[in-house]
Amino acid sequence: MSETILYISFEELCEPEAIKHEWVLELIDYGIATPVTGSSEKDWYFDMSSVVWLKKAVRLYCELEIDWVAVALIIELLKQKQALAQENQSLQSQLKRFHHA
């Protein structure tokens, strides 16, 4: 079974979601998202993971009225939390298999 990977263009990200172009550029500068293809805005594409983090970042920026530096820090902490939760879940599964063996 093959895995389907979805990509969204810079324009598709900005227009329907009402995300300002400048915001996406800020978020790229802070490493919250990285285009997976393209060398300029007109041919940038993002994977869905980046899109999820971009949307979270914009929501934080708008709802909490904080600057992009604070948003970048929060997103980095959320990413670390997610990675630790996944690692914990994996270790819990291994522990259950070991315990039942």
Protein backbone atom coordinates (compact mmCIF):
# COMPACT_ATOMS: atom_id res chain seq x y z
CA MET A 1 0.00 0.00 0.00
CA SER A 2 1.48 3.34 -0.99
CA GLU A 3 1.34 6.44 1.14
CA THR A 4 -0.34 9.52 -0.32
CA ILE A 5 1.41 12.80 0.44
CA LEU A 6 -0.58 15.98 0.03
CA TYR A 7 0.95 19.33 -0.82
CA ILE A 8 -0.54 22.81 -0.90
CA SER A 9 0.81 25.79 -2.80
CA PHE A 10 1.67 29.14 -1.27
CA GLU A 11 -1.37 30.75 -2.91
CA GLU A 12 -3.71 27.92 -1.91
CA LEU A 13 -2.52 28.32 1.65
CA CYS A 14 -2.94 32.08 1.81
CA GLU A 15 -6.11 32.86 -0.14
CA PRO A 16 -8.78 30.45 1.16
CA GLU A 17 -7.41 30.55 4.69
CA ALA A 18 -7.11 34.36 4.76
CA ILE A 19 -3.48 34.09 5.82
CA LYS A 20 -1.42 37.11 4.84
CA HIS A 21 1.60 36.46 2.60
CA GLU A 22 3.80 38.41 5.04
CA TRP A 23 2.75 36.10 7.86
CA VAL A 24 3.80 32.99 5.95
CA LEU A 25 7.16 34.61 5.18
CA GLU A 26 7.62 35.38 8.91
CA LEU A 27 6.74 31.80 9.81
CA ILE A 28 9.23 30.46 7.28
CA ASP A 29 11.92 32.77 8.69
CA TYR A 30 11.24 31.40 12.19
CA GLY A 31 11.37 27.79 10.99
CA ILE A 32 7.74 27.00 11.78
CA ALA A 33 7.21 25.86 8.21
CA THR A 34 9.46 25.08 5.29
CA PRO A 35 8.43 24.80 1.67
CA VAL A 36 9.16 21.29 0.40
CA THR A 37 9.60 22.45 -3.20
CA GLY A 38 10.16 25.63 -5.13
CA SER A 39 12.69 28.41 -5.08
CA SER A 40 10.30 31.36 -4.87
CA GLU A 41 6.85 32.14 -3.49
CA LYS A 42 5.10 31.44 -6.79
CA ASP A 43 6.29 27.83 -6.88
CA TRP A 44 6.46 26.98 -3.16
CA TYR A 45 4.55 23.94 -1.94
CA PHE A 46 4.09 22.88 1.67
CA ASP A 47 3.34 19.47 3.11
CA MET A 48 0.31 19.08 5.35
CA SER A 49 2.39 18.98 8.52
CA SER A 50 3.69 22.48 7.76
CA VAL A 51 0.16 23.63 6.97
CA VAL A 52 -1.08 22.40 10.36
CA TRP A 53 1.71 24.25 12.20
CA LEU A 54 1.20 27.40 10.10
CA LYS A 55 -2.49 27.48 10.95
CA LYS A 56 -1.77 26.97 14.66
CA ALA A 57 0.81 29.75 14.57
CA VAL A 58 -1.56 32.19 12.87
CA ARG A 59 -4.31 31.32 15.35
CA LEU A 60 -1.93 31.99 18.28
CA TYR A 61 -0.81 35.27 16.74
CA CYS A 62 -4.35 36.50 16.14
CA GLU A 63 -6.05 35.23 19.29
CA LEU A 64 -3.32 35.99 21.82
CA GLU A 65 -2.00 39.10 20.07
CA ILE A 66 1.62 38.13 20.66
CA ASP A 67 4.61 38.71 18.39
CA TRP A 68 6.07 36.14 16.00
CA VAL A 69 9.05 35.41 18.27
CA ALA A 70 6.68 34.27 21.02
CA VAL A 71 4.60 32.32 18.51
CA ALA A 72 7.73 30.55 17.23
CA LEU A 73 8.71 29.60 20.78
CA ILE A 74 5.25 28.25 21.56
CA ILE A 75 5.15 26.24 18.33
CA GLU A 76 8.60 24.80 19.04
CA LEU A 77 7.43 23.72 22.51
CA LEU A 78 4.25 22.20 21.06
CA LYS A 79 6.33 20.26 18.51
CA GLN A 80 8.57 18.96 21.30
CA LYS A 81 5.53 17.98 23.35
CA GLN A 82 4.07 16.10 20.39
CA ALA A 83 7.35 14.27 19.76
CA LEU A 84 7.63 13.30 23.42
CA ALA A 85 4.01 12.08 23.49
CA GLN A 86 4.66 9.91 20.42
CA GLU A 87 7.85 8.54 21.95
CA ASN A 88 6.03 7.84 25.21
CA GLN A 89 3.25 6.01 23.37
CA SER A 90 5.81 3.90 21.50
CA LEU A 91 7.63 3.03 24.72
CA GLN A 92 4.34 2.18 26.43
CA SER A 93 3.50 -0.22 23.58
CA GLN A 94 6.92 -1.86 23.83
CA LEU A 95 6.55 -2.17 27.59
CA LYS A 96 3.14 -3.85 27.23
CA ARG A 97 4.55 -6.35 24.70
CA PHE A 98 7.51 -7.06 26.98
CA HIS A 99 5.29 -7.42 30.03
CA HIS A 100 2.93 -9.86 28.33
CA ALA A 101 5.68 -12.01 26.85
